[in-house]
N, C-alpha and C. Protein backbone atom coordinates (compact mmCIF):
# COMPACT_ATOMS: atom_id res chain seq x y z
N MET A 1 0.81 -1.09 0.04
CA MET A 1 0.22 -0.04 -0.11
C MET A 1 0.80 1.21 0.02
N ASP A 2 1.92 1.17 0.73
CA ASP A 2 2.77 2.38 0.92
C ASP A 2 3.39 2.71 -0.57
N ASN A 3 4.00 1.53 -1.21
CA ASN A 3 4.38 1.74 -2.62
C ASN A 3 3.45 2.49 -3.54
N ILE A 4 2.20 2.09 -3.41
CA ILE A 4 1.18 2.45 -4.28
C ILE A 4 1.07 4.08 -3.95
N GLN A 5 1.00 4.39 -2.61
CA GLN A 5 0.77 5.65 -2.22
C GLN A 5 1.80 6.66 -2.81
N SER A 6 3.09 6.13 -2.90
CA SER A 6 4.30 6.85 -3.32
C SER A 6 4.12 6.96 -4.95
N LEU A 7 3.47 6.14 -5.58
CA LEU A 7 3.14 6.37 -7.05
C LEU A 7 2.00 7.14 -7.36
N ILE A 8 1.27 7.67 -6.53
CA ILE A 8 0.09 8.33 -6.80
C ILE A 8 0.36 9.74 -7.63
N PRO A 9 1.23 10.46 -7.12
CA PRO A 9 1.58 11.69 -7.99
C PRO A 9 2.06 11.50 -9.39
N THR A 10 3.02 10.23 -9.74
CA THR A 10 3.14 9.75 -11.07
C THR A 10 2.11 9.48 -11.62
N ILE A 11 1.19 8.53 -11.22
CA ILE A 11 -0.08 7.88 -11.87
C ILE A 11 -0.95 9.36 -12.16
N GLU A 12 -1.21 10.34 -11.24
CA GLU A 12 -1.97 11.38 -11.44
C GLU A 12 -1.35 12.25 -12.60
N LYS A 13 -0.24 12.32 -12.75
CA LYS A 13 0.30 13.00 -13.81
C LYS A 13 0.16 12.46 -15.26
N LEU A 14 0.40 10.90 -15.20
CA LEU A 14 0.34 10.30 -16.46
C LEU A 14 -1.16 10.43 -16.91
N LEU A 15 -2.31 10.04 -15.91
CA LEU A 15 -3.54 10.27 -16.28
C LEU A 15 -3.81 11.71 -16.88
N ASN A 16 -3.41 12.77 -16.29
CA ASN A 16 -3.83 14.13 -16.72
C ASN A 16 -3.02 14.27 -18.08
N ASN A 17 -1.82 13.68 -18.24
CA ASN A 17 -1.10 14.02 -19.64
C ASN A 17 -1.62 13.28 -20.87
N LEU A 18 -1.93 11.89 -20.36
CA LEU A 18 -2.07 10.99 -21.22
C LEU A 18 -3.62 10.93 -21.74
N ILE A 19 -4.49 11.35 -20.73
CA ILE A 19 -5.93 10.94 -20.94
C ILE A 19 -7.10 12.12 -20.57
N LEU A 20 -6.54 12.71 -19.39
CA LEU A 20 -7.63 13.68 -18.86
C LEU A 20 -7.70 14.97 -19.18
N SER A 21 -6.49 15.21 -19.61
CA SER A 21 -6.52 16.88 -19.75
C SER A 21 -7.50 17.60 -20.72
N PRO A 22 -8.38 16.97 -21.50
CA PRO A 22 -9.31 17.56 -22.19
C PRO A 22 -10.61 17.79 -21.32
N ILE A 23 -10.73 17.22 -20.00
CA ILE A 23 -11.74 17.20 -19.39
C ILE A 23 -11.64 18.38 -18.30
N LYS A 24 -10.48 19.12 -18.34
CA LYS A 24 -10.04 19.95 -17.42
C LYS A 24 -10.90 20.11 -16.07
N GLY A 25 -10.59 19.38 -15.06
CA GLY A 25 -11.03 19.83 -13.73
C GLY A 25 -12.45 19.05 -13.24
N ASP A 26 -12.88 18.36 -14.48
CA ASP A 26 -13.98 17.73 -14.29
C ASP A 26 -13.77 16.20 -13.56
N TYR A 27 -12.59 16.02 -12.86
CA TYR A 27 -12.21 14.92 -12.03
C TYR A 27 -11.41 14.92 -10.89
N ASP A 28 -11.57 13.96 -9.90
CA ASP A 28 -10.56 14.25 -8.92
C ASP A 28 -10.26 12.53 -8.83
N ILE A 29 -9.05 12.23 -8.30
CA ILE A 29 -8.35 10.93 -8.16
C ILE A 29 -8.05 10.85 -6.64
N GLU A 30 -8.51 9.80 -6.24
CA GLU A 30 -8.17 9.33 -4.83
C GLU A 30 -7.91 7.86 -4.79
N LEU A 31 -7.28 7.64 -3.88
CA LEU A 31 -6.72 6.21 -3.64
C LEU A 31 -7.63 5.61 -2.46
N VAL A 32 -8.29 4.65 -2.85
CA VAL A 32 -9.41 3.94 -1.99
C VAL A 32 -8.63 2.83 -1.42
N GLN A 33 -8.92 2.37 -0.08
CA GLN A 33 -8.55 1.19 0.31
C GLN A 33 -9.67 0.30 1.01
N TYR A 34 -9.89 -1.02 0.29
CA TYR A 34 -10.86 -1.74 0.65
C TYR A 34 -10.43 -2.74 1.58
N PRO A 35 -11.13 -3.25 2.67
CA PRO A 35 -10.91 -4.20 3.36
C PRO A 35 -10.70 -5.54 2.53
N ASN A 36 -9.69 -6.43 3.19
CA ASN A 36 -9.42 -7.46 2.53
C ASN A 36 -8.66 -7.42 1.31
N ASN A 37 -8.29 -6.18 0.91
CA ASN A 37 -7.46 -5.76 -0.47
C ASN A 37 -6.24 -5.15 -0.27
N ASP A 38 -5.21 -5.67 -0.27
CA ASP A 38 -4.16 -4.59 0.14
C ASP A 38 -3.44 -4.11 -1.05
N LYS A 39 -4.07 -4.18 -2.36
CA LYS A 39 -3.31 -3.42 -3.22
C LYS A 39 -4.19 -2.00 -3.43
N GLY A 40 -5.39 -2.00 -2.98
CA GLY A 40 -5.91 -0.47 -3.28
C GLY A 40 -6.55 -0.36 -4.64
N MET A 41 -6.96 0.82 -4.60
CA MET A 41 -7.67 1.40 -5.87
C MET A 41 -7.69 2.68 -6.01
N LEU A 42 -7.19 2.86 -7.27
CA LEU A 42 -7.29 4.25 -7.69
C LEU A 42 -8.70 4.83 -8.31
N LEU A 43 -9.46 5.52 -7.49
CA LEU A 43 -10.60 6.00 -7.86
C LEU A 43 -10.80 7.22 -8.71
N ILE A 44 -10.84 7.38 -9.91
CA ILE A 44 -11.12 8.38 -10.68
C ILE A 44 -12.66 9.02 -10.73
N GLU A 45 -12.94 10.01 -9.97
CA GLU A 45 -14.50 10.57 -9.94
C GLU A 45 -14.38 11.51 -10.87
N VAL A 46 -15.34 11.18 -12.11
CA VAL A 46 -15.31 12.26 -13.15
C VAL A 46 -16.74 12.72 -13.04
N ARG A 47 -16.82 13.95 -13.42
CA ARG A 47 -18.02 14.78 -13.37
C ARG A 47 -18.35 14.96 -15.22
N LEU A 48 -19.40 14.10 -15.38
CA LEU A 48 -19.71 14.16 -16.77
C LEU A 48 -20.61 15.23 -17.29
N ASN A 49 -20.13 16.17 -18.07
CA ASN A 49 -21.21 17.13 -18.63
C ASN A 49 -21.93 16.48 -19.63
N VAL A 50 -23.15 16.19 -19.74
CA VAL A 50 -24.02 15.41 -20.74
C VAL A 50 -24.29 16.02 -22.01
N ALA A 51 -24.10 17.26 -21.94
CA ALA A 51 -24.38 18.05 -23.05
C ALA A 51 -23.02 18.08 -23.90
N LYS A 52 -22.08 18.16 -23.43
CA LYS A 52 -20.58 17.86 -24.06
C LYS A 52 -20.23 16.76 -24.83
N VAL A 53 -21.14 15.52 -24.23
CA VAL A 53 -20.95 14.28 -25.10
C VAL A 53 -22.04 13.89 -26.00
N THR A 54 -23.21 14.98 -26.14
CA THR A 54 -24.24 14.81 -27.01
C THR A 54 -23.95 15.39 -28.30
N PRO A 55 -23.81 14.78 -29.42
CA PRO A 55 -23.23 15.19 -30.76
C PRO A 55 -23.94 16.25 -31.38
N ASN A 56 -25.22 16.24 -31.30
CA ASN A 56 -25.74 17.67 -31.79
C ASN A 56 -26.23 18.81 -30.82
N HIS A 57 -25.77 18.65 -29.59
CA HIS A 57 -25.82 19.59 -28.67
C HIS A 57 -24.85 20.81 -28.96
N LYS A 58 -25.14 21.94 -28.67
CA LYS A 58 -24.25 23.25 -28.92
C LYS A 58 -22.98 23.17 -28.15
N GLU A 59 -23.03 22.57 -27.20
CA GLU A 59 -21.84 22.43 -26.15
C GLU A 59 -20.95 21.31 -26.50
N TYR A 60 -21.45 20.44 -27.36
CA TYR A 60 -20.59 19.12 -27.75
C TYR A 60 -19.19 19.46 -28.01
N ASP A 61 -18.32 18.40 -27.39
CA ASP A 61 -16.91 18.73 -27.72
C ASP A 61 -16.36 17.23 -27.88
N LYS A 62 -16.09 16.95 -29.17
CA LYS A 62 -15.71 15.64 -29.55
C LYS A 62 -14.43 15.19 -28.71
N GLU A 63 -13.52 15.94 -28.32
CA GLU A 63 -12.42 15.58 -27.60
C GLU A 63 -12.86 15.06 -26.19
N TYR A 64 -13.52 16.07 -25.64
CA TYR A 64 -14.10 15.65 -24.31
C TYR A 64 -14.86 14.24 -24.32
N ALA A 65 -15.74 14.20 -25.34
CA ALA A 65 -16.52 13.04 -25.43
C ALA A 65 -15.71 11.77 -25.59
N ASP A 66 -14.61 11.78 -26.32
CA ASP A 66 -13.99 10.66 -26.66
C ASP A 66 -13.22 10.24 -25.30
N VAL A 67 -12.74 11.38 -24.45
CA VAL A 67 -12.10 10.92 -23.21
C VAL A 67 -13.24 10.23 -22.50
N MET A 68 -14.31 10.86 -22.27
CA MET A 68 -15.20 10.18 -21.39
C MET A 68 -15.87 8.83 -21.99
N TRP A 69 -16.06 8.54 -22.95
CA TRP A 69 -16.52 7.36 -23.61
C TRP A 69 -15.48 6.39 -23.71
N TYR A 70 -14.01 6.71 -23.49
CA TYR A 70 -13.18 5.66 -23.85
C TYR A 70 -12.17 5.61 -22.40
N LEU A 71 -12.63 6.12 -21.28
CA LEU A 71 -11.77 6.22 -20.04
C LEU A 71 -11.28 4.78 -19.85
N GLU A 72 -11.99 3.82 -19.88
CA GLU A 72 -11.66 2.47 -19.43
C GLU A 72 -10.36 1.82 -20.40
N ASP A 73 -10.85 2.10 -21.72
CA ASP A 73 -9.77 1.55 -22.66
C ASP A 73 -8.33 2.42 -22.71
N ASN A 74 -8.61 3.70 -22.18
CA ASN A 74 -7.28 4.52 -22.12
C ASN A 74 -6.46 4.45 -20.97
N VAL A 75 -7.03 3.61 -19.95
CA VAL A 75 -6.18 3.27 -18.62
C VAL A 75 -5.24 2.60 -19.14
N ASN A 76 -5.42 1.72 -19.87
CA ASN A 76 -4.36 0.66 -20.40
C ASN A 76 -2.96 1.41 -20.78
N LEU A 77 -3.08 2.62 -21.08
CA LEU A 77 -1.90 3.35 -21.61
C LEU A 77 -1.07 3.86 -20.22
N VAL A 78 -1.71 3.82 -19.37
CA VAL A 78 -1.10 4.21 -17.86
C VAL A 78 -0.52 3.09 -17.39
N TYR A 79 -1.09 1.85 -17.44
CA TYR A 79 -0.60 0.74 -17.04
C TYR A 79 0.77 0.58 -17.75
N LYS A 80 0.49 0.60 -19.21
CA LYS A 80 1.76 0.39 -20.16
C LYS A 80 2.98 1.24 -19.58
N TYR A 81 2.75 2.79 -19.33
CA TYR A 81 3.77 3.33 -18.99
C TYR A 81 4.46 3.04 -17.74
N LEU A 82 3.81 2.73 -16.48
CA LEU A 82 4.29 2.25 -15.50
C LEU A 82 4.87 0.86 -15.32
N GLY A 83 4.62 0.02 -16.35
CA GLY A 83 5.10 -1.19 -16.42
C GLY A 83 4.24 -2.01 -15.42
N MET A 84 3.08 -1.65 -15.16
CA MET A 84 2.30 -2.53 -14.26
C MET A 84 0.88 -2.90 -15.01
N THR A 85 0.08 -3.89 -14.05
CA THR A 85 -1.15 -4.26 -14.81
C THR A 85 -2.13 -4.02 -13.70
N TYR A 86 -3.42 -4.49 -14.10
CA TYR A 86 -4.69 -4.19 -13.13
C TYR A 86 -4.05 -5.07 -11.89
N ASN A 87 -3.61 -6.21 -11.97
CA ASN A 87 -3.41 -7.00 -10.89
C ASN A 87 -2.33 -6.15 -9.93
N ASP A 88 -1.62 -5.22 -10.40
CA ASP A 88 -0.68 -4.38 -9.38
C ASP A 88 -1.44 -3.35 -8.72
N ILE A 89 -2.45 -2.54 -9.38
CA ILE A 89 -3.24 -1.59 -8.90
C ILE A 89 -4.40 -1.42 -9.77
N SER A 90 -5.58 -1.36 -9.35
CA SER A 90 -6.77 -1.23 -10.24
C SER A 90 -7.03 0.43 -10.17
N ILE A 91 -7.58 0.62 -11.50
CA ILE A 91 -8.04 2.07 -11.73
C ILE A 91 -9.51 1.95 -11.86
N GLY A 92 -10.15 2.61 -11.12
CA GLY A 92 -11.75 2.48 -11.43
C GLY A 92 -12.46 3.94 -11.60
N PHE A 93 -13.54 3.72 -11.61
CA PHE A 93 -14.39 5.12 -11.96
C PHE A 93 -15.69 5.29 -11.33
N SER A 94 -15.84 6.53 -11.00
CA SER A 94 -16.94 6.73 -10.18
C SER A 94 -17.62 8.05 -10.98
N PRO A 95 -18.58 7.91 -12.01
CA PRO A 95 -18.86 9.02 -12.85
C PRO A 95 -20.05 9.82 -12.07
N ASP A 96 -20.36 10.95 -12.21
CA ASP A 96 -21.50 11.73 -11.76
C ASP A 96 -21.63 12.81 -12.63
N TYR A 97 -23.12 12.63 -13.07
CA TYR A 97 -23.57 13.36 -14.33
C TYR A 97 -24.27 14.76 -14.20
N TYR A 98 -23.95 15.59 -14.85
CA TYR A 98 -24.67 16.94 -14.65
C TYR A 98 -24.96 17.51 -16.22
N ASN A 99 -25.83 18.61 -16.17
CA ASN A 99 -26.17 19.31 -17.36
C ASN A 99 -26.79 18.36 -18.27
N TYR A 100 -27.96 17.72 -17.94
CA TYR A 100 -28.72 16.89 -18.80
C TYR A 100 -30.10 17.14 -18.61
N ASP A 101 -30.49 18.28 -18.14
CA ASP A 101 -32.01 18.77 -18.20
C ASP A 101 -32.69 19.10 -19.52
N PHE A 102 -31.71 19.16 -20.52
CA PHE A 102 -32.15 19.49 -21.94
C PHE A 102 -32.61 18.13 -22.70
N LEU A 103 -32.55 17.07 -21.85
CA LEU A 103 -33.24 15.85 -22.35
C LEU A 103 -34.44 15.68 -21.97
N ASN A 104 -34.94 16.28 -20.93
CA ASN A 104 -36.30 16.11 -20.43
C ASN A 104 -37.53 16.38 -21.51
N ASN A 105 -37.22 17.21 -22.49
CA ASN A 105 -38.31 17.24 -23.65
C ASN A 105 -38.40 15.87 -24.40
N ASP A 106 -37.20 15.40 -24.74
CA ASP A 106 -37.25 14.10 -25.46
C ASP A 106 -37.77 12.92 -24.80
N LEU A 107 -37.38 12.86 -23.19
CA LEU A 107 -38.20 12.04 -22.28
C LEU A 107 -39.47 12.05 -22.58
N GLU A 108 -39.96 13.26 -22.46
CA GLU A 108 -41.63 13.65 -22.21
C GLU A 108 -42.31 13.24 -23.44
N PHE A 109 -41.43 13.54 -24.76
CA PHE A 109 -41.83 13.19 -25.99
C PHE A 109 -42.07 11.71 -26.07
N MET A 110 -41.22 10.85 -25.73
CA MET A 110 -41.21 9.33 -25.71
C MET A 110 -42.39 8.73 -24.78
N ARG A 111 -42.62 9.45 -23.55
CA ARG A 111 -43.60 8.91 -22.69
C ARG A 111 -44.94 9.17 -23.34
N ASP A 112 -45.05 10.47 -23.67
CA ASP A 112 -46.30 10.95 -24.42
C ASP A 112 -46.62 9.95 -25.60
N GLY A 113 -45.60 9.59 -26.51
CA GLY A 113 -46.00 8.80 -27.74
C GLY A 113 -46.54 7.33 -27.40
N LEU A 114 -45.70 6.82 -25.99
CA LEU A 114 -46.33 5.64 -25.88
C LEU A 114 -47.86 5.69 -25.07
N TYR A 115 -47.97 6.62 -24.46
CA TYR A 115 -49.33 6.93 -23.62
C TYR A 115 -50.20 7.05 -24.97
N ARG A 116 -49.88 7.73 -25.91
CA ARG A 116 -51.05 7.80 -27.10
C ARG A 116 -51.05 6.42 -27.62
N GLU A 117 -50.30 5.75 -27.72
CA GLU A 117 -50.58 4.35 -28.25
C GLU A 117 -51.24 3.59 -27.36
N PHE A 118 -51.16 3.54 -26.08
CA PHE A 118 -52.27 2.74 -25.27
C PHE A 118 -53.40 3.44 -25.34
N LYS A 119 -53.68 4.60 -25.51
CA LYS A 119 -55.10 5.16 -25.82
C LYS A 119 -55.62 4.61 -27.04
N LEU A 120 -54.70 4.55 -28.10
CA LEU A 120 -55.31 4.32 -29.15
C LEU A 120 -55.82 2.67 -29.14
N LYS A 121 -55.07 1.78 -28.21
CA LYS A 121 -55.46 0.73 -28.14
C LYS A 121 -56.41 0.43 -27.29
N GLY A 122 -57.33 1.40 -26.81
CA GLY A 122 -58.49 1.27 -25.94
C GLY A 122 -58.09 1.39 -24.41
N TYR A 123 -57.03 1.58 -23.83
CA TYR A 123 -56.84 1.82 -22.37
C TYR A 123 -57.13 3.09 -22.02
N SER A 124 -57.85 3.05 -20.67
CA SER A 124 -58.15 4.37 -20.21
C SER A 124 -57.18 5.08 -19.35
N ASP A 125 -57.31 6.16 -19.02
CA ASP A 125 -56.41 6.87 -18.42
C ASP A 125 -55.98 6.29 -17.07
N THR A 126 -57.08 5.61 -16.59
CA THR A 126 -56.71 4.80 -15.05
C THR A 126 -55.81 3.67 -15.49
N ASP A 127 -56.19 2.95 -16.37
CA ASP A 127 -55.47 1.89 -16.96
C ASP A 127 -53.94 2.11 -17.07
N ILE A 128 -53.75 3.10 -18.06
CA ILE A 128 -52.35 3.60 -18.07
C ILE A 128 -51.70 4.11 -16.80
N ASP A 129 -52.42 4.77 -15.91
CA ASP A 129 -51.78 5.12 -14.79
C ASP A 129 -51.31 3.88 -13.93
N ASN A 130 -52.38 2.84 -14.01
CA ASN A 130 -51.94 1.60 -13.36
C ASN A 130 -50.88 0.81 -13.85
N ILE A 131 -50.62 1.05 -15.13
CA ILE A 131 -49.42 0.39 -15.95
C ILE A 131 -48.21 0.81 -15.37
N ASP A 132 -48.23 2.14 -14.69
CA ASP A 132 -46.97 2.53 -14.37
C ASP A 132 -45.82 2.79 -15.53
N LEU A 133 -46.40 3.37 -16.44
CA LEU A 133 -45.52 3.71 -17.80
C LEU A 133 -44.55 4.73 -17.72
N SER A 134 -43.07 4.44 -17.77
CA SER A 134 -42.12 5.29 -17.43
C SER A 134 -40.91 5.29 -18.40
N VAL A 135 -40.36 6.44 -18.79
CA VAL A 135 -39.20 6.28 -19.67
C VAL A 135 -38.23 7.21 -18.91
N PHE A 136 -37.12 6.72 -18.60
CA PHE A 136 -36.09 7.55 -17.90
C PHE A 136 -34.63 7.19 -18.36
N LEU A 137 -33.64 8.07 -18.02
CA LEU A 137 -32.30 7.89 -18.31
C LEU A 137 -31.62 6.89 -17.32
N ASN A 138 -30.99 5.95 -17.90
CA ASN A 138 -30.03 5.13 -16.84
C ASN A 138 -28.67 5.77 -17.22
N LEU A 139 -28.28 6.39 -15.71
CA LEU A 139 -26.88 6.84 -15.78
C LEU A 139 -26.12 5.93 -14.86
N ARG A 140 -25.03 5.25 -15.72
CA ARG A 140 -24.30 4.32 -14.82
C ARG A 140 -23.54 5.14 -13.91
N GLU A 141 -23.43 4.78 -12.64
CA GLU A 141 -22.44 5.56 -11.54
C GLU A 141 -21.65 4.53 -10.88
N ASP A 142 -21.54 3.32 -11.42
CA ASP A 142 -20.37 2.45 -10.56
C ASP A 142 -19.42 1.75 -11.31
N ASP A 143 -19.14 2.64 -12.67
CA ASP A 143 -18.01 1.84 -13.57
C ASP A 143 -17.98 3.16 -14.52
N ALA A 144 -17.27 2.96 -15.60
CA ALA A 144 -16.99 4.02 -16.61
C ALA A 144 -18.45 4.70 -16.91
N PRO A 145 -18.19 5.82 -17.43
CA PRO A 145 -19.36 6.58 -17.87
C PRO A 145 -20.33 5.74 -18.79
N TRP A 146 -21.49 6.03 -18.76
CA TRP A 146 -22.40 5.32 -19.78
C TRP A 146 -23.89 6.00 -19.54
N VAL A 147 -24.56 6.20 -20.64
CA VAL A 147 -25.83 6.75 -20.68
C VAL A 147 -26.81 5.73 -21.46
N GLY A 148 -27.73 5.32 -20.89
CA GLY A 148 -28.69 4.58 -21.38
C GLY A 148 -30.11 5.10 -21.33
N LEU A 149 -31.07 4.29 -21.78
CA LEU A 149 -32.50 4.63 -21.64
C LEU A 149 -33.39 3.40 -21.02
N GLU A 150 -34.18 3.64 -20.20
CA GLU A 150 -35.10 2.48 -19.85
C GLU A 150 -36.67 2.98 -19.97
N VAL A 151 -37.31 1.86 -20.47
CA VAL A 151 -38.54 1.82 -20.69
C VAL A 151 -39.21 0.94 -19.93
N SER A 152 -40.41 1.14 -18.72
CA SER A 152 -40.91 0.29 -18.08
C SER A 152 -42.40 0.33 -18.27
N ALA A 153 -43.24 -0.54 -18.14
CA ALA A 153 -44.62 -0.77 -18.22
C ALA A 153 -44.80 -2.08 -17.49
N TYR A 154 -45.66 -2.06 -16.40
CA TYR A 154 -46.03 -3.13 -15.43
C TYR A 154 -47.58 -3.21 -15.59
N GLY A 155 -47.94 -4.54 -15.75
CA GLY A 155 -49.26 -5.03 -15.76
C GLY A 155 -49.98 -4.43 -16.98
N THR A 156 -49.63 -4.60 -18.08
CA THR A 156 -50.14 -4.04 -19.25
C THR A 156 -51.68 -5.00 -19.66
N GLY A 157 -51.72 -6.04 -19.12
CA GLY A 157 -52.95 -6.65 -19.04
C GLY A 157 -53.01 -7.51 -20.55
N LYS A 158 -52.36 -7.18 -21.47
CA LYS A 158 -52.41 -8.01 -22.63
C LYS A 158 -51.02 -8.55 -22.88
N GLU A 159 -51.32 -9.86 -23.68
CA GLU A 159 -50.01 -10.57 -24.22
C GLU A 159 -49.49 -9.65 -25.60
N GLY A 160 -48.32 -10.04 -25.82
CA GLY A 160 -47.96 -9.25 -27.08
C GLY A 160 -47.65 -7.75 -26.99
N GLU A 161 -47.95 -7.14 -25.87
CA GLU A 161 -47.87 -5.53 -25.78
C GLU A 161 -46.39 -5.21 -25.79
N GLN A 162 -45.39 -6.21 -25.19
CA GLN A 162 -44.05 -5.91 -24.98
C GLN A 162 -43.52 -5.51 -26.32
N ASP A 163 -43.77 -6.28 -27.49
CA ASP A 163 -43.11 -5.90 -28.96
C ASP A 163 -43.56 -4.53 -29.31
N THR A 164 -44.90 -4.48 -29.15
CA THR A 164 -45.46 -3.02 -29.30
C THR A 164 -44.71 -1.92 -28.79
N ILE A 165 -44.48 -2.06 -27.50
CA ILE A 165 -43.74 -1.04 -26.72
C ILE A 165 -42.48 -0.82 -27.23
N GLU A 166 -41.43 -1.85 -27.43
CA GLU A 166 -40.37 -1.98 -27.63
C GLU A 166 -40.29 -1.50 -29.01
N ASP A 167 -41.00 -1.84 -30.10
CA ASP A 167 -40.72 -1.21 -31.61
C ASP A 167 -41.17 0.31 -31.49
N LEU A 168 -42.39 0.64 -30.65
CA LEU A 168 -42.65 1.99 -30.81
C LEU A 168 -41.85 2.90 -30.01
N SER A 169 -40.88 2.17 -29.03
CA SER A 169 -39.89 3.08 -28.19
C SER A 169 -38.86 3.24 -29.30
N TYR A 170 -38.16 2.53 -29.85
CA TYR A 170 -37.22 2.83 -30.96
C TYR A 170 -37.69 3.72 -31.98
N GLU A 171 -38.83 3.80 -32.61
CA GLU A 171 -39.42 4.74 -33.38
C GLU A 171 -39.48 6.08 -32.71
N LEU A 172 -39.85 6.11 -31.66
CA LEU A 172 -39.89 7.36 -31.01
C LEU A 172 -38.47 8.01 -30.61
N LEU A 173 -37.74 7.27 -30.26
CA LEU A 173 -36.08 7.52 -29.93
C LEU A 173 -35.62 8.19 -31.21
N SER A 174 -35.83 7.73 -32.37
CA SER A 174 -35.50 8.09 -33.54
C SER A 174 -35.72 9.33 -33.98
N GLN A 175 -36.92 9.75 -33.44
CA GLN A 175 -37.57 11.08 -33.65
C GLN A 175 -37.17 12.24 -32.57
N THR A 176 -36.34 11.73 -31.75
CA THR A 176 -36.06 12.92 -30.62
C THR A 176 -34.88 13.75 -31.11
N LYS A 177 -34.86 14.94 -30.52
CA LYS A 177 -33.73 15.91 -31.00
C LYS A 177 -32.27 15.42 -30.57
N TYR A 178 -32.24 15.13 -29.16
CA TYR A 178 -30.94 14.76 -28.57
C TYR A 178 -30.60 13.29 -28.33
N LEU A 179 -31.66 12.72 -27.66
CA LEU A 179 -31.46 11.26 -27.19
C LEU A 179 -31.07 10.46 -28.40
N SER A 180 -31.70 10.70 -29.64
CA SER A 180 -31.27 9.71 -30.68
C SER A 180 -29.73 9.70 -31.15
N HIS A 181 -29.20 10.76 -30.73
CA HIS A 181 -27.67 11.26 -30.92
C HIS A 181 -26.81 10.64 -29.85
N LEU A 182 -27.46 10.44 -28.43
CA LEU A 182 -26.66 10.20 -27.45
C LEU A 182 -27.01 8.63 -26.98
N ILE A 183 -27.95 7.94 -27.52
CA ILE A 183 -28.32 6.81 -26.76
C ILE A 183 -27.74 5.61 -27.82
N ASP A 184 -27.82 5.62 -29.06
CA ASP A 184 -27.46 4.64 -29.81
C ASP A 184 -28.26 3.27 -29.84
N ASP A 185 -29.57 3.59 -29.69
CA ASP A 185 -30.56 2.49 -29.75
C ASP A 185 -30.37 1.58 -28.43
N ASP A 186 -29.58 2.02 -27.33
CA ASP A 186 -29.54 1.25 -26.01
C ASP A 186 -30.48 1.44 -25.12
N ILE A 187 -31.63 0.70 -25.36
CA ILE A 187 -32.95 0.88 -24.45
C ILE A 187 -32.93 -0.68 -23.67
N SER A 188 -33.18 -0.36 -22.06
CA SER A 188 -33.36 -1.48 -21.58
C SER A 188 -35.14 -1.53 -21.18
N PHE A 189 -35.70 -2.72 -21.39
CA PHE A 189 -37.04 -2.67 -21.17
C PHE A 189 -37.19 -3.59 -20.06
N TRP A 190 -38.49 -3.03 -19.18
CA TRP A 190 -38.86 -3.58 -18.10
C TRP A 190 -40.38 -3.88 -18.18
N ILE A 191 -40.76 -4.74 -18.79
CA ILE A 191 -42.24 -4.84 -19.14
C ILE A 191 -42.78 -6.06 -18.65
N SER A 192 -44.00 -6.16 -18.05
CA SER A 192 -44.62 -7.39 -17.72
C SER A 192 -46.11 -7.27 -18.06
N SER A 193 -46.72 -8.23 -18.43
CA SER A 193 -48.17 -8.26 -18.81
C SER A 193 -49.33 -8.49 -17.72
N ASN A 194 -48.58 -8.69 -16.42
CA ASN A 194 -49.61 -8.99 -15.45
C ASN A 194 -49.32 -8.03 -14.16
């Protein structure tokens, strides 16, 4: 552990020079010691500005996006320069996301589109409320940064609704202003008919 502690300034310098310089200050690095793990872990806490990684947003920054989306891959450069491997010291990530309120209109558009589809199928407002229909962002917080989309509907009451919901979700996603450029068709579905 002491040896790792003495390497932290070198590792931080390598991380900054090789990988993190484009995200200027949107990260902190700390050594975390877990019980029963004598090697420790360097934890990179990144603050991901979602607008800067959304290709058609006015704040989009390709260099920033490339750093954020390829953090895990790029850490291998640091291991190479140190002559170390993951077995010597692990480098992990803890992302925190901000500046994503601009996605709310897209999420609402998708919810409204699914709601309209249920109305066309004869569901009442009460039925739809009971289904607990929701569309929301999935922002991974325990690993390298990743943004996905989740769609859920519970108790639709009719067999075969899952395919309709999935197909319509992809169609609606393709019509959104920002999400269609950010998500890459990565939707998780949580749908049950009972």
